[in-house]
Amino acid sequence: MTGALEAEARPKPKVSKVYLKETLTRLRSNPEDLDALFAFGTWLAMTERFDESVEVLHEITKRDPNYPGVWVLKSQVYRRMGKSRMAELCMERDLALQASS
């Protein structure tokens, strides 16, 4: 129950509308832009749209499983969703990638 209380007490981040607008403009001009997809997935996570964020992050890992930071962010999102096992698997994947580079 403490986790739920902490989540309620946590202030909602203020996300720049300019940040979102630029990200969406980049995605419209190039839907393959992984940096823009990552930015969009991050924005979705910050606005607590976790299911959508995971979908976007999954798309990135399908296209480039070595994309920097994607497994860590995916882990954080899964943890916020209460999916501890999925979060652990993502962190394991990140650690394995770090070890191989």
Protein backbone atom coordinates (compact mmCIF):
# COMPACT_ATOMS: atom_id res chain seq x y z
CA MET A 1 0.00 0.00 0.00
CA THR A 2 2.93 2.30 0.59
CA GLY A 3 3.76 2.25 -3.14
CA ALA A 4 0.25 3.44 -4.00
CA LEU A 5 0.50 6.26 -1.49
CA GLU A 6 3.88 7.29 -2.86
CA ALA A 7 2.46 7.30 -6.38
CA GLU A 8 -0.40 9.54 -5.27
CA ALA A 9 1.98 11.90 -3.48
CA ARG A 10 4.35 12.12 -6.44
CA PRO A 11 3.76 15.37 -8.33
CA LYS A 12 2.78 14.99 -11.96
CA PRO A 13 5.55 16.17 -14.27
CA LYS A 14 4.93 19.21 -16.42
CA VAL A 15 5.66 18.25 -19.99
CA SER A 16 6.30 20.95 -22.54
CA LYS A 17 3.73 21.18 -25.31
CA VAL A 18 6.56 22.33 -27.57
CA TYR A 19 8.44 19.07 -26.82
CA LEU A 20 5.41 17.01 -27.80
CA LYS A 21 4.67 19.10 -30.89
CA GLU A 22 8.26 18.79 -32.15
CA THR A 23 8.26 15.05 -31.50
CA LEU A 24 4.99 14.51 -33.38
CA THR A 25 6.21 16.69 -36.27
CA ARG A 26 9.35 14.56 -36.55
CA LEU A 27 7.29 11.35 -36.49
CA ARG A 28 4.94 12.63 -39.20
CA SER A 29 7.88 13.47 -41.45
CA ASN A 30 9.72 10.22 -40.67
CA PRO A 31 7.82 7.44 -38.85
CA GLU A 32 11.09 5.44 -38.74
CA ASP A 33 12.82 8.06 -36.55
CA LEU A 34 13.76 6.01 -33.48
CA ASP A 35 14.86 9.07 -31.54
CA ALA A 36 11.44 10.65 -32.03
CA LEU A 37 9.74 7.35 -31.12
CA PHE A 38 11.80 7.17 -27.94
CA ALA A 39 10.90 10.77 -27.10
CA PHE A 40 7.22 9.97 -27.69
CA GLY A 41 7.42 6.81 -25.56
CA THR A 42 9.05 8.86 -22.82
CA TRP A 43 6.31 11.49 -23.04
CA LEU A 44 3.65 8.79 -22.80
CA ALA A 45 5.34 7.37 -19.70
CA MET A 46 5.65 10.81 -18.12
CA THR A 47 1.94 11.40 -18.66
CA GLU A 48 1.20 7.99 -17.14
CA ARG A 49 -0.07 6.46 -20.37
CA PHE A 50 1.88 3.32 -19.60
CA ASP A 51 0.20 0.84 -21.97
CA GLU A 52 0.77 3.15 -24.91
CA SER A 53 4.33 3.85 -23.80
CA VAL A 54 5.14 0.13 -23.69
CA GLU A 55 3.72 -0.30 -27.21
CA VAL A 56 5.97 2.46 -28.56
CA LEU A 57 9.02 1.17 -26.68
CA HIS A 58 8.30 -2.35 -27.94
CA GLU A 59 8.29 -1.01 -31.49
CA ILE A 60 11.75 0.46 -30.87
CA THR A 61 13.12 -2.82 -29.48
CA LYS A 62 11.76 -4.67 -32.52
CA ARG A 63 13.56 -2.29 -34.87
CA ASP A 64 16.76 -1.85 -32.84
CA PRO A 65 17.13 -3.96 -29.69
CA ASN A 66 20.38 -2.11 -28.91
CA TYR A 67 18.78 1.36 -28.85
CA PRO A 68 20.37 3.24 -25.92
CA GLY A 69 18.19 3.44 -22.82
CA VAL A 70 15.13 1.71 -24.24
CA TRP A 71 15.34 -1.36 -21.98
CA VAL A 72 15.80 0.76 -18.86
CA LEU A 73 12.82 2.98 -19.70
CA LYS A 74 10.74 -0.07 -20.59
CA SER A 75 11.67 -1.58 -17.22
CA GLN A 76 10.66 1.59 -15.39
CA VAL A 77 7.31 1.70 -17.18
CA TYR A 78 6.58 -1.95 -16.43
CA ARG A 79 7.45 -1.34 -12.78
CA ARG A 80 5.01 1.58 -12.64
CA MET A 81 2.39 -0.75 -14.12
CA GLY A 82 3.03 -3.26 -11.34
CA LYS A 83 4.54 -5.81 -13.74
CA SER A 84 7.66 -6.65 -11.74
CA ARG A 85 8.66 -9.72 -13.75
CA MET A 86 8.53 -7.85 -17.05
CA ALA A 87 10.55 -5.03 -15.46
CA GLU A 88 13.19 -7.53 -14.32
CA LEU A 89 13.41 -9.10 -17.78
CA CYS A 90 13.96 -5.70 -19.36
CA MET A 91 16.72 -4.87 -16.88
CA GLU A 92 18.34 -8.25 -17.53
CA ARG A 93 18.29 -7.49 -21.25
CA ASP A 94 19.89 -4.11 -20.63
CA LEU A 95 22.62 -5.63 -18.45
CA ALA A 96 23.32 -8.30 -21.08
CA LEU A 97 23.67 -5.62 -23.76
CA GLN A 98 26.04 -3.63 -21.56
CA ALA A 99 28.15 -6.73 -20.87
CA SER A 100 28.47 -7.52 -24.59
CA SER A 101 29.57 -4.04 -25.61
